């Protein structure tokens, strides 16, 4: 039996998942322990009607792909959570208060206990595990319910493990928590330390044949770590993974190495191999004898290599960056144009395009973007067996010129690392970086005029882009320079 979506469920979903672009796992477990999983986009989740005759759980982390509820498929979360069994709510709140822990953002009665949530002021990846572990110990919560792939009960559903009991949303507010405050209170550093659920292999690497990454997936030994770290980082960058995604993968892979590298040293290596062009680890052969010797260890008959230098950028007609047009265009328009362009003459169906851009095929913004690109003659529509295919159209440029934008930038936007204003602002900054420049100096007033935003909004978005390590800023002879470092 299905239950119509409730106001409590909608509020619960908005609090936890509203910025998710990929998939959310719903797990149904009957009273005999039989489990069924569903993977929904956020828009699909809002329309999902929960059954009331089975246990309904939901994943705290976004899932990158459908069909996989393991740690390796978890990308980001918005909350710290705890599961309390056999403890009264009054005692839970007393423990929180006397431990100087911030007030929770949300509390759900789970039928036999309480699920307590602290919404974070910004999303986190796999570094939360040590914080949740220590918080569970400190407050005497269930220490077995702290894993990254954890699922929790959905409010306004039934706990049917024994006698049916209703799960209810008891409290929700606008409080947000800072991860650094929890670090300070608990005396524990947030750090990535989980592997693929003890499997001894990093799934993402095992499926990548380029540069022999599939042969590095089980970890490597001392003497091979630096080479393989550089090889993995630069290959993932070449394959358009974001820096955050690459960092997450490398940290999990490091836990399989013998010996492991210290986190501080590893993070420094990742930054170096990602940004410093003097280090090249993605070639087929190496002139340095020792590097070539290590390289051959990981090369087999299945290994693939990139052809030529490869294109790491997409080009956009500067007509799209004209202020009159740029104000009206949403960020998704740029992202899907790059996807359609990559598909070549074959074109792409809207359903496939929606999947690649982490949207529902009926998403209003997706449809608006396609209509605009067709109207401006950047794409054309061809029917194949009664299905529309969207094909890139090479439009006459008339000396307007082009803006080159790094491919990884689009992944950062699609995967939620950049919000809409930050993404569009960075595309605009790229328009000043002609001839492959990495330093540009447009003023805030110029950027505000071209984006249609206020100076204060531009300052705030630039600050966020610095914090997320997409740009650096520097004052030289009284002029502010913006250094593009995400590429």
Protein backbone atom coordinates (compact mmCIF):
# COMPACT_ATOMS: atom_id res chain seq x y z
CA UNK A 1 0.00 0.00 0.00
CA UNK A 2 1.37 3.44 -0.97
CA UNK A 3 1.13 6.62 1.07
CA UNK A 4 0.72 10.05 -0.52
CA UNK A 5 3.78 12.26 -0.08
CA UNK A 6 3.55 14.27 3.15
CA UNK A 7 4.70 17.74 4.18
CA UNK A 8 7.13 16.18 6.67
CA UNK A 9 8.71 14.02 3.97
CA UNK A 10 9.07 17.01 1.64
CA UNK A 11 10.74 19.07 4.39
CA UNK A 12 13.03 16.14 5.25
CA UNK A 13 14.06 15.72 1.61
CA UNK A 14 14.61 19.49 1.13
CA UNK A 15 16.83 19.64 4.20
CA UNK A 16 19.02 16.69 3.21
CA UNK A 17 19.06 16.42 -0.58
CA UNK A 18 17.99 19.60 -2.42
CA UNK A 19 21.49 20.19 -3.91
CA UNK A 20 21.98 16.58 -5.09
CA UNK A 21 22.42 16.26 -8.86
CA UNK A 22 22.97 12.50 -9.06
CA UNK A 23 20.97 9.75 -7.34
CA UNK A 24 19.44 9.15 -3.91
CA UNK A 25 19.07 5.57 -2.70
CA UNK A 26 15.74 4.41 -1.27
CA UNK A 27 16.01 0.98 0.37
CA UNK A 28 12.89 -1.06 1.16
CA UNK A 29 13.35 -3.91 3.67
CA UNK A 30 10.42 -6.12 4.65
CA UNK A 31 10.01 -7.80 8.06
CA UNK A 32 11.78 -10.91 6.72
CA UNK A 33 14.90 -8.95 5.78
CA UNK A 34 14.36 -8.95 1.99
CA UNK A 35 15.75 -5.72 0.50
CA UNK A 36 14.92 -3.77 -2.68
CA UNK A 37 16.78 -0.61 -3.71
CA UNK A 38 15.59 2.29 -5.87
CA UNK A 39 17.82 5.11 -7.17
CA UNK A 40 15.99 8.39 -7.74
CA UNK A 41 16.94 11.91 -8.74
CA UNK A 42 15.89 14.64 -6.33
CA UNK A 43 12.92 15.59 -8.55
CA UNK A 44 11.85 11.94 -8.74
CA UNK A 45 12.18 11.61 -4.96
CA UNK A 46 9.76 14.50 -4.42
CA UNK A 47 7.18 12.56 -6.46
CA UNK A 48 7.88 9.17 -4.87
CA UNK A 49 5.07 7.65 -2.82
CA UNK A 50 6.38 5.60 0.09
CA UNK A 51 4.80 2.26 1.04
CA UNK A 52 3.49 1.86 4.60
CA UNK A 53 3.76 -1.93 4.86
CA UNK A 54 7.57 -2.19 4.79
CA UNK A 55 10.62 -0.47 6.29
CA UNK A 56 11.67 2.53 4.18
CA UNK A 57 15.26 3.82 4.43
CA UNK A 58 17.16 6.51 2.54
CA UNK A 59 20.92 7.02 1.95
CA UNK A 60 22.63 9.94 3.64
CA UNK A 61 25.16 10.27 0.80
CA UNK A 62 24.45 11.02 -2.83
CA UNK A 63 25.08 8.02 -5.12
CA UNK A 64 27.10 8.73 -8.28
CA UNK A 65 25.46 5.96 -10.33
CA UNK A 66 22.34 3.79 -10.13
CA UNK A 67 22.49 0.26 -8.76
CA UNK A 68 25.35 0.63 -6.28
CA UNK A 69 24.87 1.41 -2.58
CA UNK A 70 28.51 0.86 -1.59
CA UNK A 71 30.95 3.42 -0.19
CA UNK A 72 32.76 3.66 -3.53
CA UNK A 73 29.58 5.08 -5.13
CA UNK A 74 28.98 7.72 -2.41
CA UNK A 75 29.88 11.27 -3.41
CA UNK A 76 28.72 13.91 -0.90
CA UNK A 77 26.40 14.58 2.01
CA UNK A 78 24.89 17.61 3.75
CA UNK A 79 24.62 16.21 7.27
CA UNK A 80 26.20 14.60 10.30
CA UNK A 81 23.79 11.97 11.64
CA UNK A 82 23.44 9.71 14.67
CA UNK A 83 21.12 6.79 15.46
CA UNK A 84 20.01 6.45 19.12
CA UNK A 85 18.34 3.22 20.26
CA UNK A 86 16.67 2.63 23.65
CA UNK A 87 17.30 6.18 24.90
CA UNK A 88 14.71 8.82 25.76
CA UNK A 89 14.78 12.05 23.77
CA UNK A 90 15.20 14.08 26.97
CA UNK A 91 18.39 12.17 27.80
CA UNK A 92 19.71 12.58 24.23
CA UNK A 93 19.22 16.37 24.38
CA UNK A 94 20.81 16.46 27.86
CA UNK A 95 23.89 14.63 26.55
CA UNK A 96 24.13 17.01 23.56
CA UNK A 97 23.76 20.09 25.77
CA UNK A 98 26.28 19.01 28.44
CA UNK A 99 28.83 18.06 25.74
CA UNK A 100 28.56 21.57 24.21
CA UNK A 101 27.50 20.01 20.90
CA UNK A 102 25.48 22.40 18.66
CA UNK A 103 21.70 22.07 18.66
CA UNK A 104 20.54 19.52 16.04
CA UNK A 105 18.88 20.69 12.82
CA UNK A 106 16.42 17.80 12.69
CA UNK A 107 15.13 14.90 14.83
CA UNK A 108 13.13 11.90 13.58
CA UNK A 109 11.45 9.34 15.84
CA UNK A 110 12.43 6.02 14.25
CA UNK A 111 9.91 3.79 16.03
CA UNK A 112 12.39 2.30 18.50
CA UNK A 113 14.63 5.32 18.94
CA UNK A 114 15.64 8.63 17.42
CA UNK A 115 17.65 9.77 14.39
CA UNK A 116 19.41 13.09 15.02
CA UNK A 117 20.83 15.30 12.25
CA UNK A 118 23.15 18.30 12.09
CA UNK A 119 22.96 20.03 8.72
CA UNK A 120 26.38 21.27 7.53
CA UNK A 121 26.96 24.76 6.19
CA UNK A 122 28.55 23.19 3.09
CA UNK A 123 28.60 19.66 1.63
CA UNK A 124 31.24 17.15 2.77
CA UNK A 125 32.73 14.10 1.07
CA UNK A 126 34.25 11.05 2.79
CA UNK A 127 36.08 13.03 5.47
CA UNK A 128 33.10 12.93 7.87
CA UNK A 129 33.63 9.36 9.10
CA UNK A 130 36.04 10.14 12.00
CA UNK A 131 33.75 12.95 13.20
CA UNK A 132 30.61 10.78 13.22
CA UNK A 133 32.49 7.89 14.89
CA UNK A 134 33.75 10.09 17.73
CA UNK A 135 30.40 11.88 18.14
CA UNK A 136 28.61 8.52 18.43
CA UNK A 137 31.04 7.40 21.16
CA UNK A 138 30.75 10.72 23.00
CA UNK A 139 26.93 10.71 23.03
CA UNK A 140 26.49 6.93 23.40
CA UNK A 141 24.73 6.56 20.04
CA UNK A 142 24.87 3.46 17.82
CA UNK A 143 28.51 3.20 16.67
CA UNK A 144 27.47 0.67 14.02
CA UNK A 145 25.39 3.28 12.17
CA UNK A 146 28.19 5.67 11.17
CA UNK A 147 29.35 4.21 7.85
CA UNK A 148 29.33 6.43 4.77
CA UNK A 149 26.83 4.22 2.90
CA UNK A 150 24.39 4.38 5.85
CA UNK A 151 20.62 4.52 5.22
CA UNK A 152 18.20 6.08 7.73
CA UNK A 153 14.43 5.89 8.18
CA UNK A 154 12.11 8.18 6.22
CA UNK A 155 9.52 10.08 8.33
CA UNK A 156 5.82 9.23 7.92
CA UNK A 157 6.67 5.59 7.13
CA UNK A 158 6.27 2.53 9.35
CA UNK A 159 8.85 0.58 11.35
CA UNK A 160 7.61 -2.98 10.78
CA UNK A 161 10.49 -4.95 12.31
CA UNK A 162 7.98 -6.15 14.95
CA UNK A 163 4.76 -4.44 15.97
CA UNK A 164 4.27 -1.58 13.43
CA UNK A 165 5.38 1.80 14.81
CA UNK A 166 5.23 5.14 13.00
CA UNK A 167 8.38 7.14 12.14
CA UNK A 168 7.77 10.86 12.65
CA UNK A 169 9.58 14.14 12.01
CA UNK A 170 9.65 15.75 15.47
CA UNK A 171 11.83 18.79 14.91
CA UNK A 172 13.38 20.72 12.03
CA UNK A 173 14.99 24.17 12.00
CA UNK A 174 17.37 26.29 9.93
CA UNK A 175 20.45 25.64 12.11
CA UNK A 176 23.63 24.77 10.22
CA UNK A 177 26.87 23.40 11.67
CA UNK A 178 30.49 24.08 10.80
CA UNK A 179 32.69 21.00 10.42
CA UNK A 180 35.66 22.80 11.98
CA UNK A 181 33.61 23.44 15.13
CA UNK A 182 32.99 19.69 15.49
CA UNK A 183 36.71 19.06 14.96
CA UNK A 184 37.50 21.49 17.77
CA UNK A 185 34.84 20.14 20.16
CA UNK A 186 35.69 16.47 19.58
CA UNK A 187 39.46 16.79 19.21
CA UNK A 188 39.29 14.77 15.97
CA UNK A 189 40.30 15.80 12.47
CA UNK A 190 38.00 15.16 9.53
CA UNK A 191 39.90 12.90 7.12
CA UNK A 192 39.27 10.36 4.37
CA UNK A 193 40.14 6.93 5.66
CA UNK A 194 37.60 4.45 4.25
CA UNK A 195 38.24 1.91 1.51
CA UNK A 196 35.77 0.10 -0.68
CA UNK A 197 34.05 -1.70 2.19
CA UNK A 198 37.07 -3.91 2.82
CA UNK A 199 37.17 -5.25 -0.73
CA UNK A 200 40.86 -4.40 -1.17
CA UNK A 201 40.25 -2.76 -4.53
CA UNK A 202 39.22 0.73 -5.63
CA UNK A 203 36.37 0.10 -8.06
CA UNK A 204 36.78 3.30 -10.06
CA UNK A 205 40.45 2.54 -10.80
CA UNK A 206 39.77 -1.12 -11.59
CA UNK A 207 37.53 -0.06 -14.49
CA UNK A 208 39.99 2.44 -16.05
CA UNK A 209 42.34 0.81 -18.58
CA UNK A 210 44.05 4.09 -19.53
CA UNK A 211 47.69 4.25 -18.41
CA UNK A 212 47.36 0.99 -16.49
CA UNK A 213 45.22 2.37 -13.65
CA UNK A 214 43.33 -0.97 -13.50
CA UNK A 215 46.59 -2.61 -12.38
CA UNK A 216 47.08 -0.08 -9.57
CA UNK A 217 43.59 -0.53 -8.09
CA UNK A 218 44.68 -2.94 -5.33
CA UNK A 219 47.35 -0.59 -3.96
CA UNK A 220 51.10 -0.41 -4.58
CA UNK A 221 54.30 -0.70 -2.56
CA UNK A 222 56.96 1.77 -1.46
CA UNK A 223 59.02 2.99 -4.42
CA UNK A 224 55.94 2.96 -6.68
CA UNK A 225 53.67 5.32 -4.76
CA UNK A 226 54.85 8.69 -6.15
CA UNK A 227 54.78 7.51 -9.75
CA UNK A 228 51.35 5.90 -9.38
CA UNK A 229 49.92 8.91 -7.52
CA UNK A 230 50.97 11.18 -10.38
CA UNK A 231 49.75 8.68 -12.95
CA UNK A 232 46.31 8.35 -11.31
CA UNK A 233 45.82 12.09 -10.69
CA UNK A 234 46.75 13.15 -14.22
CA UNK A 235 44.81 10.34 -15.88
CA UNK A 236 41.66 11.18 -13.90
CA UNK A 237 42.10 14.84 -14.81
CA UNK A 238 42.47 13.86 -18.47
CA UNK A 239 39.24 11.85 -18.18
CA UNK A 240 37.49 14.99 -16.85
CA UNK A 241 37.13 13.93 -13.23
CA UNK A 242 36.95 16.92 -10.90
CA UNK A 243 39.78 17.58 -8.48
CA UNK A 244 37.50 16.68 -5.55
CA UNK A 245 36.58 13.35 -7.15
CA UNK A 246 40.25 12.57 -7.90
CA UNK A 247 41.26 13.47 -4.33
CA UNK A 248 38.58 11.18 -2.89
CA UNK A 249 39.71 8.26 -5.08
CA UNK A 250 43.42 8.75 -4.34
CA UNK A 251 42.85 8.94 -0.57
CA UNK A 252 40.89 5.68 -0.60
CA UNK A 253 43.53 4.08 -2.83
CA UNK A 254 46.27 5.27 -0.46
CA UNK A 255 44.72 3.21 2.35
CA UNK A 256 45.57 0.06 0.34
CA UNK A 257 49.23 1.02 -0.19
CA UNK A 258 52.09 -0.47 1.83
CA UNK A 259 53.04 1.74 3.55
CA UNK A 260 50.39 4.46 3.36
CA UNK A 261 51.41 8.06 2.82
CA UNK A 262 50.60 10.65 5.47
CA UNK A 263 47.43 12.62 4.52
CA UNK A 264 49.19 16.00 4.56
CA UNK A 265 51.95 14.76 2.24
CA UNK A 266 49.44 13.03 -0.05
CA UNK A 267 47.27 16.14 -0.39
CA UNK A 268 50.36 18.17 -1.30
CA UNK A 269 51.30 15.59 -3.97
CA UNK A 270 47.80 15.69 -5.45
CA UNK A 271 47.91 19.49 -5.70
CA UNK A 272 51.34 19.35 -7.35
CA UNK A 273 50.44 16.70 -9.93
CA UNK A 274 47.12 18.40 -10.69
CA UNK A 275 48.49 21.93 -11.22
CA UNK A 276 52.23 21.82 -11.95
CA UNK A 277 52.85 21.25 -15.67
CA UNK A 278 56.50 20.33 -15.06
CA UNK A 279 55.38 16.89 -13.86
CA UNK A 280 54.16 14.57 -16.64
CA UNK A 281 52.93 11.10 -15.69
CA UNK A 282 50.36 10.27 -18.39
CA UNK A 283 52.69 9.28 -21.25
CA UNK A 284 53.16 5.86 -22.85
CA UNK A 285 56.94 5.77 -22.36
CA UNK A 286 59.41 7.57 -20.11
CA UNK A 287 62.99 8.56 -20.90
CA UNK A 288 63.95 8.29 -17.23
CA UNK A 289 65.08 4.68 -16.71
CA UNK A 290 63.60 4.24 -13.21
CA UNK A 291 60.20 5.71 -14.22
CA UNK A 292 60.05 3.48 -17.29
CA UNK A 293 60.89 0.47 -15.12
CA UNK A 294 57.95 1.26 -12.79
CA UNK A 295 55.71 2.04 -15.76
CA UNK A 296 56.25 -1.40 -17.27
CA UNK A 297 55.07 -3.08 -14.06
CA UNK A 298 51.54 -1.74 -14.63
CA UNK A 299 51.27 -2.12 -18.43
CA UNK A 300 49.55 -5.15 -19.93
CA UNK A 301 47.73 -6.11 -23.15
CA UNK A 302 44.54 -4.37 -21.99
CA UNK A 303 46.22 -1.03 -21.23
CA UNK A 304 45.04 1.96 -23.28
CA UNK A 305 46.89 5.21 -23.95
CA UNK A 306 45.67 8.64 -24.91
CA UNK A 307 46.27 9.65 -28.51
CA UNK A 308 48.19 12.89 -28.97
CA UNK A 309 47.94 15.79 -26.57
CA UNK A 310 44.16 15.52 -26.32
CA UNK A 311 41.66 18.30 -25.91
CA UNK A 312 41.10 19.36 -22.31
CA UNK A 313 38.85 22.30 -23.23
CA UNK A 314 35.55 23.12 -24.90
CA UNK A 315 35.16 26.22 -27.07
CA UNK A 316 32.14 28.52 -26.92
CA UNK A 317 31.16 31.15 -29.45
CA UNK A 318 31.55 34.54 -27.75
CA UNK A 319 28.00 35.35 -28.82
CA UNK A 320 26.91 33.30 -25.78
CA UNK A 321 28.95 35.60 -23.53
CA UNK A 322 27.48 38.82 -24.89
CA UNK A 323 25.89 40.57 -21.85
CA UNK A 324 22.42 40.68 -23.47
CA UNK A 325 22.54 36.90 -23.98
CA UNK A 326 24.65 35.87 -20.97
CA UNK A 327 22.15 37.35 -18.49
CA UNK A 328 19.40 35.05 -19.82
CA UNK A 329 21.39 31.82 -20.16
CA UNK A 330 21.47 29.33 -17.30
CA UNK A 331 24.63 27.40 -16.50
CA UNK A 332 23.16 24.11 -17.71
CA UNK A 333 23.06 25.54 -21.26
CA UNK A 334 26.87 25.62 -21.39
CA UNK A 335 27.21 22.16 -19.84
CA UNK A 336 24.79 20.40 -22.21
CA UNK A 337 26.22 22.18 -25.27
CA UNK A 338 29.61 20.68 -24.41
CA UNK A 339 28.02 17.21 -24.06
CA UNK A 340 26.16 17.50 -27.40
CA UNK A 341 29.33 18.68 -29.13
CA UNK A 342 31.24 15.62 -27.90
CA UNK A 343 28.61 13.29 -29.41
CA UNK A 344 29.51 14.45 -32.94
CA UNK A 345 27.32 13.70 -35.97
CA UNK A 346 25.46 10.86 -34.25
CA UNK A 347 23.73 13.21 -31.84
CA UNK A 348 22.22 12.35 -28.46
CA UNK A 349 18.74 11.60 -27.12
CA UNK A 350 17.27 13.85 -24.42
CA UNK A 351 17.07 10.90 -22.00
CA UNK A 352 20.80 10.19 -22.39
CA UNK A 353 21.61 13.89 -22.17
CA UNK A 354 19.55 14.14 -18.97
CA UNK A 355 21.38 11.16 -17.47
CA UNK A 356 24.82 12.64 -18.27
CA UNK A 357 23.83 16.03 -16.86
CA UNK A 358 22.22 14.47 -13.74
CA UNK A 359 18.75 15.79 -14.58
CA UNK A 360 15.31 14.34 -15.13
CA UNK A 361 14.42 14.15 -18.88
CA UNK A 362 11.38 16.38 -18.14
CA UNK A 363 13.46 18.92 -16.17
CA UNK A 364 12.25 22.42 -17.05
CA UNK A 365 15.75 23.94 -17.12
CA UNK A 366 16.98 21.18 -19.45
CA UNK A 367 14.11 21.80 -21.88
CA UNK A 368 14.66 25.58 -21.76
CA UNK A 369 18.38 25.12 -22.51
CA UNK A 370 17.69 22.86 -25.50
CA UNK A 371 15.07 25.24 -26.88
CA UNK A 372 17.42 28.21 -26.55
CA UNK A 373 20.35 26.42 -28.23
CA UNK A 374 18.10 25.32 -31.09
CA UNK A 375 16.68 28.85 -31.48
CA UNK A 376 20.22 30.32 -31.57
CA UNK A 377 21.22 27.69 -34.17
CA UNK A 378 23.89 25.97 -32.01
CA UNK A 379 22.12 22.63 -32.24
CA UNK A 380 19.72 20.98 -34.66
CA UNK A 381 17.19 18.23 -34.08
CA UNK A 382 17.07 15.09 -36.24
CA UNK A 383 14.41 12.38 -35.98
CA UNK A 384 15.60 8.77 -35.94
CA UNK A 385 12.90 6.11 -35.62
CA UNK A 386 10.48 8.67 -34.16
CA UNK A 387 13.02 9.78 -31.53
CA UNK A 388 14.60 13.26 -31.43
CA UNK A 389 18.40 13.40 -31.50
CA UNK A 390 20.22 16.65 -30.69
CA UNK A 391 23.23 17.34 -32.93
CA UNK A 392 25.85 20.10 -32.65
CA UNK A 393 25.66 22.68 -35.43
CA UNK A 394 28.91 24.45 -36.44
CA UNK A 395 27.67 28.02 -36.64
CA UNK A 396 29.40 30.77 -38.63
CA UNK A 397 31.41 32.90 -36.18
CA UNK A 398 31.88 36.19 -38.08
CA UNK A 399 35.06 37.10 -36.17
CA UNK A 400 33.35 37.02 -32.75
CA UNK A 401 36.00 34.65 -31.47
CA UNK A 402 35.76 31.77 -29.01
CA UNK A 403 36.22 31.21 -25.27
CA UNK A 404 38.01 28.03 -24.18
CA UNK A 405 36.75 26.42 -20.95
CA UNK A 406 38.32 23.42 -19.21
CA UNK A 407 36.18 20.26 -19.50
CA UNK A 408 36.57 19.51 -15.80
CA UNK A 409 34.71 22.73 -15.01
CA UNK A 410 31.48 21.28 -16.42
CA UNK A 411 31.80 18.17 -14.25
CA UNK A 412 32.29 20.40 -11.20
CA UNK A 413 29.02 22.16 -12.00
CA UNK A 414 27.05 19.03 -12.88
CA UNK A 415 28.27 17.26 -9.72
CA UNK A 416 27.32 20.21 -7.50
CA UNK A 417 30.80 21.48 -6.53
CA UNK A 418 29.97 24.82 -8.14
CA UNK A 419 26.61 26.55 -7.94
CA UNK A 420 25.09 28.37 -10.91
CA UNK A 421 26.51 31.90 -10.27
CA UNK A 422 30.02 30.54 -9.51
CA UNK A 423 30.03 28.40 -12.65
CA UNK A 424 28.89 31.20 -14.95
CA UNK A 425 31.34 33.65 -13.36
CA UNK A 426 34.25 31.27 -13.98
CA UNK A 427 33.20 30.83 -17.64
CA UNK A 428 33.17 34.62 -17.95
CA UNK A 429 36.63 34.88 -16.35
CA UNK A 430 37.86 32.31 -18.90
CA UNK A 431 36.77 34.68 -21.70
CA UNK A 432 39.60 37.03 -20.66
CA UNK A 433 42.16 34.20 -20.73
CA UNK A 434 42.79 34.18 -24.49
CA UNK A 435 46.04 32.68 -25.85
CA UNK A 436 45.98 30.16 -22.95
CA UNK A 437 46.61 32.83 -20.32
CA UNK A 438 46.33 31.75 -16.70
CA UNK A 439 46.20 35.28 -15.23
CA UNK A 440 43.54 37.87 -16.03
CA UNK A 441 42.52 41.15 -14.43
CA UNK A 442 38.87 42.13 -15.05
CA UNK A 443 37.51 44.44 -12.35
CA UNK A 444 34.54 43.56 -10.15
CA UNK A 445 32.58 46.33 -11.87
CA UNK A 446 33.20 44.78 -15.29
CA UNK A 447 32.24 41.30 -14.09
CA UNK A 448 29.11 42.69 -12.41
CA UNK A 449 28.06 44.50 -15.60
CA UNK A 450 28.53 41.42 -17.78
CA UNK A 451 26.78 39.01 -15.38
CA UNK A 452 24.00 41.34 -14.29
CA UNK A 453 24.96 40.84 -10.64
CA UNK A 454 25.90 43.33 -7.92
CA UNK A 455 29.52 44.05 -6.91
CA UNK A 456 28.93 42.40 -3.52
CA UNK A 457 27.64 39.23 -5.23
CA UNK A 458 30.72 39.14 -7.47
CA UNK A 459 32.98 39.54 -4.42
CA UNK A 460 31.18 36.73 -2.59
CA UNK A 461 31.39 34.36 -5.59
CA UNK A 462 35.08 35.13 -6.14
CA UNK A 463 35.68 34.39 -2.46
CA UNK A 464 33.92 31.02 -2.86
CA UNK A 465 35.93 30.19 -5.99
CA UNK A 466 39.14 30.91 -4.05
CA UNK A 467 37.97 28.77 -1.14
CA UNK A 468 37.15 25.89 -3.52
CA UNK A 469 40.58 26.26 -5.18
CA UNK A 470 39.38 27.14 -8.68
CA UNK A 471 41.16 30.52 -8.68
CA UNK A 472 43.74 32.52 -6.75
CA UNK A 473 43.85 36.30 -6.53
CA UNK A 474 46.87 38.54 -6.10
CA UNK A 475 47.47 42.30 -5.99
CA UNK A 476 50.28 43.49 -8.28
CA UNK A 477 51.14 47.18 -8.52
CA UNK A 478 47.71 48.11 -7.25
CA UNK A 479 45.82 45.84 -9.70
CA UNK A 480 43.91 42.69 -8.77
CA UNK A 481 44.93 39.63 -10.83
CA UNK A 482 42.86 36.43 -11.00
CA UNK A 483 44.87 33.25 -11.52
CA UNK A 484 42.92 30.31 -13.01
CA UNK A 485 44.17 27.16 -11.25
CA UNK A 486 41.43 24.54 -11.75
CA UNK A 487 42.74 23.49 -15.21
